[in-house]
Amino acid sequence: MDAKDPGSIRAVIEIPAGSSDKREHDAATGTFPVDLRDGVPRRIRFLPYPANYGYIEHTLMDEARGGDGDALDVFVLCAALPTGTILEIEPIGIIALIDDGERDDKVIALPVDRSLLTMDADDQHELPEGAVEILRLWLTHYDPMDRARVLHVGGRDEAMEAIRKWWIGA
């Protein structure tokens, strides 16, 4: 695999669908502790996460190139998966987002393992009506302190372009 061809794309689930604790992977310990803000555990005080949330392995939205300094985030659309699950995904869309003043895009993906599917689509435009709108609305309301705003929603090709852009290799 190289920067131009990520090959199989894998996601690491930090937060299962339906959860309200904001967790982030700690690479040093290999754990997924609850994120802290001002020393206080972050619990979403809105609706819980509408989909499995995590990041795409081997990506980095480099701050020097306009990113937020973290891996490229992903929503994996299927039933709740445990924290720490690593699975191969098929990107079908992307939500281009400014969050807390930084570019913080969210890839929309389905699991490659068809036994996990609750819906099937090749592009975000083929999802059930309202599915992407739920994600968009959730992102702009779950944390009022961050003042997130959606720039636009793109399809599969744009999601793949973003993955290639932020790919740092295996």
N, C-alpha and C. Protein backbone atom coordinates (compact mmCIF):
# COMPACT_ATOMS: atom_id res chain seq x y z
N MET A 1 0.85 -1.19 0.00
CA MET A 1 0.00 0.00 0.00
C MET A 1 0.89 1.24 0.00
N ASP A 2 0.43 2.26 -0.70
CA ASP A 2 1.16 3.52 -0.68
C ASP A 2 0.17 4.67 -0.56
N ALA A 3 0.68 5.89 -0.61
CA ALA A 3 -0.18 7.06 -0.41
C ALA A 3 -1.25 7.19 -1.49
N LYS A 4 -1.00 6.64 -2.66
CA LYS A 4 -1.97 6.76 -3.75
C LYS A 4 -3.01 5.63 -3.75
N ASP A 5 -2.67 4.49 -3.14
CA ASP A 5 -3.56 3.33 -3.17
C ASP A 5 -3.67 2.72 -1.78
N PRO A 6 -4.69 3.13 -1.01
CA PRO A 6 -4.81 2.59 0.34
C PRO A 6 -5.23 1.12 0.38
N GLY A 7 -5.60 0.53 -0.75
CA GLY A 7 -6.00 -0.87 -0.74
C GLY A 7 -7.23 -1.07 0.12
N SER A 8 -7.22 -2.10 0.97
CA SER A 8 -8.37 -2.29 1.85
C SER A 8 -8.34 -1.19 2.92
N ILE A 9 -9.52 -0.71 3.23
CA ILE A 9 -9.65 0.42 4.16
C ILE A 9 -10.29 -0.11 5.43
N ARG A 10 -9.62 0.13 6.55
CA ARG A 10 -10.12 -0.38 7.82
C ARG A 10 -10.44 0.77 8.77
N ALA A 11 -11.52 0.56 9.50
CA ALA A 11 -11.94 1.52 10.52
C ALA A 11 -11.74 0.91 11.89
N VAL A 12 -11.45 1.77 12.85
CA VAL A 12 -11.38 1.39 14.26
C VAL A 12 -12.56 2.07 14.93
N ILE A 13 -13.42 1.29 15.56
CA ILE A 13 -14.60 1.86 16.23
C ILE A 13 -14.21 2.31 17.63
N GLU A 14 -14.39 3.59 17.88
CA GLU A 14 -14.14 4.16 19.21
C GLU A 14 -15.44 4.22 20.01
N ILE A 15 -16.54 4.55 19.32
CA ILE A 15 -17.81 4.79 19.99
C ILE A 15 -18.91 3.99 19.28
N PRO A 16 -19.51 3.03 19.99
CA PRO A 16 -20.60 2.26 19.37
C PRO A 16 -21.84 3.13 19.13
N ALA A 17 -22.59 2.80 18.10
CA ALA A 17 -23.88 3.46 17.86
C ALA A 17 -24.72 3.36 19.13
N GLY A 18 -25.40 4.44 19.46
CA GLY A 18 -26.26 4.46 20.65
C GLY A 18 -25.56 4.87 21.93
N SER A 19 -24.25 5.10 21.88
CA SER A 19 -23.50 5.50 23.08
C SER A 19 -23.50 7.01 23.23
N SER A 20 -23.25 7.47 24.44
CA SER A 20 -23.16 8.91 24.65
C SER A 20 -21.85 9.34 25.28
N ASP A 21 -20.95 8.41 25.60
CA ASP A 21 -19.63 8.79 26.09
C ASP A 21 -18.71 9.02 24.90
N LYS A 22 -18.05 10.18 24.89
CA LYS A 22 -17.09 10.51 23.82
C LYS A 22 -15.77 9.84 24.16
N ARG A 23 -15.37 8.86 23.37
CA ARG A 23 -14.13 8.13 23.60
C ARG A 23 -13.14 8.40 22.47
N GLU A 24 -11.86 8.32 22.80
CA GLU A 24 -10.82 8.44 21.78
C GLU A 24 -9.74 7.42 22.05
N HIS A 25 -9.23 6.85 20.98
CA HIS A 25 -8.17 5.84 21.10
C HIS A 25 -6.90 6.48 21.64
N ASP A 26 -6.30 5.85 22.63
CA ASP A 26 -5.01 6.27 23.17
C ASP A 26 -3.98 5.27 22.65
N ALA A 27 -3.21 5.69 21.65
CA ALA A 27 -2.25 4.79 21.00
C ALA A 27 -1.18 4.30 21.97
N ALA A 28 -0.81 5.12 22.94
CA ALA A 28 0.24 4.74 23.89
C ALA A 28 -0.17 3.55 24.76
N THR A 29 -1.44 3.49 25.13
CA THR A 29 -1.91 2.42 26.02
C THR A 29 -2.75 1.37 25.29
N GLY A 30 -3.18 1.69 24.06
CA GLY A 30 -4.05 0.78 23.32
C GLY A 30 -5.47 0.72 23.87
N THR A 31 -5.84 1.72 24.66
CA THR A 31 -7.17 1.75 25.27
C THR A 31 -8.03 2.85 24.64
N PHE A 32 -9.28 2.91 25.06
CA PHE A 32 -10.25 3.88 24.53
C PHE A 32 -10.90 4.63 25.70
N PRO A 33 -10.14 5.47 26.39
CA PRO A 33 -10.72 6.17 27.55
C PRO A 33 -11.73 7.23 27.12
N VAL A 34 -12.59 7.59 28.05
CA VAL A 34 -13.54 8.68 27.80
C VAL A 34 -12.72 9.96 27.69
N ASP A 35 -13.00 10.74 26.67
CA ASP A 35 -12.33 12.01 26.42
C ASP A 35 -12.66 12.98 27.55
N LEU A 36 -11.72 13.84 27.87
CA LEU A 36 -11.93 14.85 28.90
C LEU A 36 -11.96 16.24 28.28
N ARG A 37 -12.81 17.09 28.81
CA ARG A 37 -12.82 18.51 28.44
C ARG A 37 -12.77 19.27 29.76
N ASP A 38 -11.70 20.05 29.92
CA ASP A 38 -11.48 20.77 31.16
C ASP A 38 -11.49 19.83 32.36
N GLY A 39 -10.91 18.64 32.18
CA GLY A 39 -10.79 17.67 33.26
C GLY A 39 -12.05 16.88 33.57
N VAL A 40 -13.12 17.12 32.81
CA VAL A 40 -14.40 16.46 33.06
C VAL A 40 -14.69 15.50 31.90
N PRO A 41 -15.11 14.25 32.21
CA PRO A 41 -15.44 13.32 31.14
C PRO A 41 -16.53 13.88 30.22
N ARG A 42 -16.31 13.71 28.91
CA ARG A 42 -17.27 14.21 27.93
C ARG A 42 -18.38 13.20 27.70
N ARG A 43 -19.56 13.59 28.04
CA ARG A 43 -20.75 12.80 27.77
C ARG A 43 -21.64 13.67 26.88
N ILE A 44 -22.08 13.10 25.78
CA ILE A 44 -22.93 13.83 24.86
C ILE A 44 -24.27 14.08 25.53
N ARG A 45 -24.66 15.32 25.63
CA ARG A 45 -25.92 15.69 26.28
C ARG A 45 -26.95 16.08 25.22
N PHE A 46 -26.94 15.34 24.17
CA PHE A 46 -27.87 15.49 23.07
C PHE A 46 -28.36 14.07 22.80
N LEU A 47 -28.67 13.72 21.60
CA LEU A 47 -28.98 12.34 21.26
C LEU A 47 -27.68 11.54 21.21
N PRO A 48 -27.71 10.26 21.54
CA PRO A 48 -26.47 9.47 21.45
C PRO A 48 -26.00 9.35 20.00
N TYR A 49 -24.79 8.82 19.84
CA TYR A 49 -24.22 8.66 18.51
C TYR A 49 -25.18 7.86 17.62
N PRO A 50 -25.50 8.40 16.44
CA PRO A 50 -26.48 7.74 15.55
C PRO A 50 -25.90 6.58 14.75
N ALA A 51 -24.58 6.42 14.79
CA ALA A 51 -23.91 5.33 14.06
C ALA A 51 -22.61 5.03 14.78
N ASN A 52 -21.99 3.92 14.44
CA ASN A 52 -20.67 3.62 14.99
C ASN A 52 -19.70 4.69 14.52
N TYR A 53 -18.87 5.16 15.43
CA TYR A 53 -17.99 6.28 15.13
C TYR A 53 -16.55 5.90 15.48
N GLY A 54 -15.65 6.27 14.61
CA GLY A 54 -14.25 5.99 14.86
C GLY A 54 -13.38 6.69 13.85
N TYR A 55 -12.32 6.01 13.46
CA TYR A 55 -11.37 6.62 12.52
C TYR A 55 -10.87 5.58 11.53
N ILE A 56 -10.34 6.08 10.43
CA ILE A 56 -9.78 5.22 9.39
C ILE A 56 -8.29 5.04 9.68
N GLU A 57 -7.90 3.77 9.82
CA GLU A 57 -6.49 3.47 10.10
C GLU A 57 -5.58 4.09 9.04
N HIS A 58 -4.40 4.46 9.48
CA HIS A 58 -3.32 4.93 8.60
C HIS A 58 -3.66 6.24 7.89
N THR A 59 -4.50 7.06 8.52
CA THR A 59 -4.77 8.40 7.98
C THR A 59 -4.40 9.43 9.05
N LEU A 60 -4.12 10.63 8.60
CA LEU A 60 -3.84 11.75 9.50
C LEU A 60 -4.21 13.04 8.78
N MET A 61 -5.17 13.76 9.35
CA MET A 61 -5.55 15.06 8.79
C MET A 61 -4.55 16.09 9.34
N ASP A 62 -3.40 16.13 8.72
CA ASP A 62 -2.27 16.94 9.14
C ASP A 62 -2.65 18.42 9.24
N GLU A 63 -2.37 19.01 10.38
CA GLU A 63 -2.70 20.42 10.59
C GLU A 63 -1.98 21.33 9.60
N ALA A 64 -0.76 20.97 9.23
CA ALA A 64 0.00 21.78 8.27
C ALA A 64 -0.67 21.81 6.90
N ARG A 65 -1.55 20.81 6.64
CA ARG A 65 -2.26 20.74 5.36
C ARG A 65 -3.74 21.07 5.52
N GLY A 66 -4.11 21.66 6.66
CA GLY A 66 -5.48 22.13 6.84
C GLY A 66 -6.39 21.23 7.62
N GLY A 67 -5.86 20.14 8.18
CA GLY A 67 -6.69 19.22 8.95
C GLY A 67 -6.70 19.54 10.43
N ASP A 68 -7.34 18.66 11.21
CA ASP A 68 -7.47 18.87 12.65
C ASP A 68 -6.38 18.19 13.46
N GLY A 69 -5.46 17.48 12.80
CA GLY A 69 -4.37 16.81 13.51
C GLY A 69 -4.69 15.40 13.97
N ASP A 70 -5.88 14.91 13.65
CA ASP A 70 -6.29 13.56 14.03
C ASP A 70 -6.48 12.71 12.77
N ALA A 71 -6.71 11.43 12.99
CA ALA A 71 -7.05 10.54 11.88
C ALA A 71 -8.38 10.97 11.27
N LEU A 72 -8.62 10.57 10.05
CA LEU A 72 -9.87 10.86 9.35
C LEU A 72 -11.00 10.07 10.02
N ASP A 73 -12.03 10.78 10.46
CA ASP A 73 -13.15 10.17 11.17
C ASP A 73 -14.09 9.44 10.23
N VAL A 74 -14.84 8.49 10.80
CA VAL A 74 -15.77 7.69 10.00
C VAL A 74 -17.00 7.33 10.81
N PHE A 75 -18.14 7.38 10.15
CA PHE A 75 -19.39 6.81 10.65
C PHE A 75 -19.57 5.50 9.90
N VAL A 76 -19.67 4.38 10.63
CA VAL A 76 -19.93 3.08 10.00
C VAL A 76 -21.38 2.74 10.27
N LEU A 77 -22.17 2.64 9.21
CA LEU A 77 -23.60 2.42 9.31
C LEU A 77 -23.93 0.94 9.41
N CYS A 78 -24.20 0.49 10.61
CA CYS A 78 -24.65 -0.88 10.89
C CYS A 78 -25.02 -0.92 12.36
N ALA A 79 -25.47 -2.07 12.83
CA ALA A 79 -25.81 -2.21 14.25
C ALA A 79 -24.57 -1.90 15.10
N ALA A 80 -24.79 -1.59 16.38
CA ALA A 80 -23.71 -1.21 17.28
C ALA A 80 -22.60 -2.25 17.32
N LEU A 81 -21.37 -1.76 17.21
CA LEU A 81 -20.17 -2.60 17.30
C LEU A 81 -19.40 -2.20 18.55
N PRO A 82 -18.76 -3.16 19.22
CA PRO A 82 -18.03 -2.83 20.44
C PRO A 82 -16.85 -1.88 20.19
N THR A 83 -16.56 -1.06 21.19
CA THR A 83 -15.37 -0.22 21.16
C THR A 83 -14.15 -1.11 20.91
N GLY A 84 -13.28 -0.66 20.01
CA GLY A 84 -12.08 -1.41 19.67
C GLY A 84 -12.22 -2.33 18.48
N THR A 85 -13.45 -2.47 17.96
CA THR A 85 -13.64 -3.29 16.77
C THR A 85 -12.86 -2.69 15.60
N ILE A 86 -12.16 -3.53 14.87
CA ILE A 86 -11.47 -3.12 13.64
C ILE A 86 -12.11 -3.89 12.51
N LEU A 87 -12.58 -3.17 11.50
CA LEU A 87 -13.25 -3.84 10.39
C LEU A 87 -12.97 -3.15 9.08
N GLU A 88 -13.03 -3.95 8.02
CA GLU A 88 -12.87 -3.41 6.68
C GLU A 88 -14.16 -2.70 6.29
N ILE A 89 -14.02 -1.53 5.69
CA ILE A 89 -15.18 -0.72 5.33
C ILE A 89 -15.17 -0.35 3.86
N GLU A 90 -16.35 0.04 3.40
CA GLU A 90 -16.54 0.54 2.05
C GLU A 90 -17.07 1.97 2.16
N PRO A 91 -16.23 2.97 1.87
CA PRO A 91 -16.70 4.36 1.94
C PRO A 91 -17.77 4.63 0.89
N ILE A 92 -18.84 5.33 1.28
CA ILE A 92 -19.91 5.64 0.33
C ILE A 92 -20.23 7.14 0.31
N GLY A 93 -19.59 7.92 1.16
CA GLY A 93 -19.85 9.36 1.18
C GLY A 93 -18.97 10.05 2.19
N ILE A 94 -19.11 11.36 2.25
CA ILE A 94 -18.33 12.16 3.18
C ILE A 94 -19.11 13.42 3.54
N ILE A 95 -18.99 13.81 4.79
CA ILE A 95 -19.54 15.09 5.25
C ILE A 95 -18.35 16.00 5.52
N ALA A 96 -18.18 17.02 4.67
CA ALA A 96 -17.11 17.99 4.86
C ALA A 96 -17.55 18.95 5.96
N LEU A 97 -16.72 19.09 7.00
CA LEU A 97 -17.15 19.76 8.22
C LEU A 97 -16.06 20.67 8.77
N ILE A 98 -16.48 21.79 9.31
CA ILE A 98 -15.62 22.63 10.15
C ILE A 98 -16.12 22.44 11.57
N ASP A 99 -15.23 21.99 12.46
CA ASP A 99 -15.59 21.70 13.85
C ASP A 99 -14.57 22.38 14.75
N ASP A 100 -15.05 23.24 15.63
CA ASP A 100 -14.18 23.99 16.54
C ASP A 100 -13.12 24.75 15.74
N GLY A 101 -13.53 25.28 14.58
CA GLY A 101 -12.65 26.10 13.75
C GLY A 101 -11.68 25.33 12.88
N GLU A 102 -11.74 23.98 12.89
CA GLU A 102 -10.81 23.17 12.11
C GLU A 102 -11.56 22.26 11.15
N ARG A 103 -10.90 21.91 10.05
CA ARG A 103 -11.47 20.95 9.10
C ARG A 103 -11.48 19.58 9.76
N ASP A 104 -12.64 18.94 9.78
CA ASP A 104 -12.81 17.67 10.50
C ASP A 104 -13.84 16.82 9.78
N ASP A 105 -13.49 16.39 8.57
CA ASP A 105 -14.42 15.64 7.72
C ASP A 105 -14.79 14.29 8.32
N LYS A 106 -15.97 13.79 7.95
CA LYS A 106 -16.48 12.50 8.42
C LYS A 106 -16.84 11.64 7.22
N VAL A 107 -16.14 10.55 7.04
CA VAL A 107 -16.46 9.60 5.98
C VAL A 107 -17.70 8.81 6.42
N ILE A 108 -18.57 8.52 5.49
CA ILE A 108 -19.73 7.65 5.73
C ILE A 108 -19.40 6.32 5.06
N ALA A 109 -19.52 5.23 5.81
CA ALA A 109 -19.10 3.93 5.27
C ALA A 109 -20.04 2.82 5.71
N LEU A 110 -19.96 1.74 4.96
CA LEU A 110 -20.66 0.49 5.30
C LEU A 110 -19.61 -0.58 5.55
N PRO A 111 -19.93 -1.58 6.38
CA PRO A 111 -18.98 -2.67 6.57
C PRO A 111 -18.90 -3.53 5.31
N VAL A 112 -17.70 -4.01 5.00
CA VAL A 112 -17.54 -4.93 3.87
C VAL A 112 -18.20 -6.26 4.20
N ASP A 113 -18.16 -6.67 5.46
CA ASP A 113 -18.82 -7.90 5.90
C ASP A 113 -20.33 -7.71 5.78
N ARG A 114 -20.90 -8.31 4.74
CA ARG A 114 -22.32 -8.12 4.44
C ARG A 114 -23.25 -8.62 5.54
N SER A 115 -22.77 -9.50 6.42
CA SER A 115 -23.61 -9.98 7.52
C SER A 115 -23.89 -8.88 8.54
N LEU A 116 -23.11 -7.80 8.50
CA LEU A 116 -23.30 -6.69 9.43
C LEU A 116 -24.23 -5.60 8.89
N LEU A 117 -24.56 -5.67 7.60
CA LEU A 117 -25.33 -4.61 6.98
C LEU A 117 -26.75 -4.52 7.52
N THR A 118 -27.19 -3.28 7.74
CA THR A 118 -28.59 -3.01 8.02
C THR A 118 -29.21 -2.30 6.82
N MET A 119 -28.36 -1.85 5.90
CA MET A 119 -28.78 -1.20 4.65
C MET A 119 -27.67 -1.41 3.64
N ASP A 120 -27.97 -1.24 2.38
CA ASP A 120 -26.97 -1.44 1.35
C ASP A 120 -27.01 -0.27 0.38
N ALA A 121 -25.83 0.21 0.00
CA ALA A 121 -25.74 1.34 -0.93
C ALA A 121 -24.33 1.39 -1.50
N ASP A 122 -24.20 1.91 -2.71
CA ASP A 122 -22.89 2.13 -3.29
C ASP A 122 -22.44 3.57 -3.13
N ASP A 123 -23.39 4.45 -2.83
CA ASP A 123 -23.11 5.87 -2.67
C ASP A 123 -24.11 6.43 -1.65
N GLN A 124 -23.73 7.48 -0.95
CA GLN A 124 -24.61 8.03 0.08
C GLN A 124 -25.97 8.45 -0.46
N HIS A 125 -26.05 8.73 -1.76
CA HIS A 125 -27.34 9.11 -2.37
C HIS A 125 -28.33 7.94 -2.42
N GLU A 126 -27.83 6.71 -2.27
CA GLU A 126 -28.68 5.52 -2.30
C GLU A 126 -29.16 5.09 -0.92
N LEU A 127 -28.74 5.79 0.12
CA LEU A 127 -29.17 5.44 1.48
C LEU A 127 -30.65 5.76 1.65
N PRO A 128 -31.29 5.13 2.64
CA PRO A 128 -32.69 5.47 2.90
C PRO A 128 -32.84 6.97 3.14
N GLU A 129 -33.95 7.50 2.68
CA GLU A 129 -34.21 8.94 2.81
C GLU A 129 -34.02 9.39 4.26
N GLY A 130 -33.28 10.44 4.45
CA GLY A 130 -33.08 11.02 5.77
C GLY A 130 -31.85 10.53 6.50
N ALA A 131 -31.22 9.42 6.07
CA ALA A 131 -30.08 8.87 6.81
C ALA A 131 -28.92 9.87 6.89
N VAL A 132 -28.52 10.45 5.79
CA VAL A 132 -27.42 11.42 5.80
C VAL A 132 -27.85 12.69 6.53
N GLU A 133 -29.10 13.08 6.37
CA GLU A 133 -29.60 14.27 7.06
C GLU A 133 -29.52 14.10 8.58
N ILE A 134 -29.80 12.90 9.08
CA ILE A 134 -29.68 12.63 10.51
C ILE A 134 -28.23 12.84 10.96
N LEU A 135 -27.28 12.31 10.21
CA LEU A 135 -25.86 12.50 10.55
C LEU A 135 -25.48 13.97 10.51
N ARG A 136 -25.91 14.66 9.47
CA ARG A 136 -25.58 16.08 9.32
C ARG A 136 -26.15 16.89 10.48
N LEU A 137 -27.40 16.66 10.81
CA LEU A 137 -28.02 17.40 11.91
C LEU A 137 -27.37 17.05 13.25
N TRP A 138 -27.07 15.79 13.45
CA TRP A 138 -26.44 15.39 14.70
C TRP A 138 -25.09 16.09 14.86
N LEU A 139 -24.28 16.09 13.81
CA LEU A 139 -22.96 16.72 13.88
C LEU A 139 -23.02 18.21 14.20
N THR A 140 -24.05 18.87 13.74
CA THR A 140 -24.14 20.32 13.97
C THR A 140 -24.84 20.68 15.28
N HIS A 141 -25.32 19.67 16.02
CA HIS A 141 -26.03 19.97 17.27
C HIS A 141 -25.51 19.25 18.51
N TYR A 142 -24.71 18.21 18.36
CA TYR A 142 -24.34 17.40 19.53
C TYR A 142 -23.42 18.12 20.50
N ASP A 143 -22.64 19.08 20.04
CA ASP A 143 -21.72 19.80 20.92
C ASP A 143 -21.75 21.29 20.58
N PRO A 144 -22.63 22.05 21.25
CA PRO A 144 -22.77 23.47 20.91
C PRO A 144 -21.48 24.27 21.09
N MET A 145 -20.58 23.80 21.94
CA MET A 145 -19.31 24.53 22.16
C MET A 145 -18.44 24.55 20.92
N ASP A 146 -18.53 23.50 20.10
CA ASP A 146 -17.67 23.40 18.92
C ASP A 146 -18.18 24.21 17.72
N ARG A 147 -19.46 24.54 17.72
CA ARG A 147 -20.07 25.31 16.63
C ARG A 147 -19.74 24.70 15.26
N ALA A 148 -20.00 23.41 15.11
CA ALA A 148 -19.71 22.73 13.86
C ALA A 148 -20.64 23.21 12.76
N ARG A 149 -20.09 23.24 11.55
CA ARG A 149 -20.93 23.56 10.40
C ARG A 149 -20.51 22.70 9.21
N VAL A 150 -21.52 22.23 8.52
CA VAL A 150 -21.30 21.38 7.35
C VAL A 150 -21.00 22.26 6.16
N LEU A 151 -19.92 21.95 5.46
CA LEU A 151 -19.58 22.66 4.23
C LEU A 151 -20.35 22.06 3.06
N HIS A 152 -20.35 20.73 2.98
CA HIS A 152 -21.14 20.02 1.96
C HIS A 152 -21.07 18.53 2.23
N VAL A 153 -21.93 17.81 1.52
CA VAL A 153 -21.94 16.35 1.59
C VAL A 153 -21.57 15.83 0.21
N GLY A 154 -20.60 14.92 0.18
CA GLY A 154 -20.15 14.36 -1.09
C GLY A 154 -20.37 12.87 -1.14
N GLY A 155 -20.19 12.31 -2.31
CA GLY A 155 -20.41 10.89 -2.54
C GLY A 155 -19.15 10.05 -2.38
N ARG A 156 -19.25 8.84 -2.90
CA ARG A 156 -18.18 7.85 -2.75
C ARG A 156 -16.85 8.35 -3.31
N ASP A 157 -16.87 8.94 -4.49
CA ASP A 157 -15.61 9.39 -5.11
C ASP A 157 -14.92 10.44 -4.24
N GLU A 158 -15.68 11.35 -3.69
CA GLU A 158 -15.08 12.38 -2.84
C GLU A 158 -14.54 11.78 -1.53
N ALA A 159 -15.24 10.77 -1.00
CA ALA A 159 -14.76 10.10 0.20
C ALA A 159 -13.42 9.41 -0.08
N MET A 160 -13.33 8.73 -1.21
CA MET A 160 -12.07 8.05 -1.57
C MET A 160 -10.95 9.06 -1.80
N GLU A 161 -11.28 10.19 -2.40
CA GLU A 161 -10.29 11.25 -2.61
C GLU A 161 -9.75 11.74 -1.27
N ALA A 162 -10.62 11.93 -0.28
CA ALA A 162 -10.19 12.38 1.05
C ALA A 162 -9.31 11.33 1.72
N ILE A 163 -9.68 10.07 1.59
CA ILE A 163 -8.86 9.00 2.19
C ILE A 163 -7.47 9.00 1.57
N ARG A 164 -7.40 9.12 0.24
CA ARG A 164 -6.09 9.17 -0.42
C ARG A 164 -5.31 10.41 0.02
N LYS A 165 -5.99 11.53 0.17
CA LYS A 165 -5.32 12.78 0.58
C LYS A 165 -4.66 12.63 1.94
N TRP A 166 -5.36 12.02 2.88
CA TRP A 166 -4.89 11.95 4.28
C TRP A 166 -4.17 10.64 4.59
N TRP A 167 -4.01 9.75 3.60
CA TRP A 167 -3.39 8.45 3.82
C TRP A 167 -1.90 8.63 4.13
N ILE A 168 -1.44 8.02 5.22
CA ILE A 168 -0.01 8.09 5.58
C ILE A 168 0.68 6.74 5.40
N GLY A 169 -0.08 5.73 5.02
CA GLY A 169 0.48 4.41 4.76
C GLY A 169 0.48 3.51 5.97
N ALA A 170 0.65 2.25 5.72
CA ALA A 170 0.60 1.25 6.79
C ALA A 170 1.95 1.09 7.47
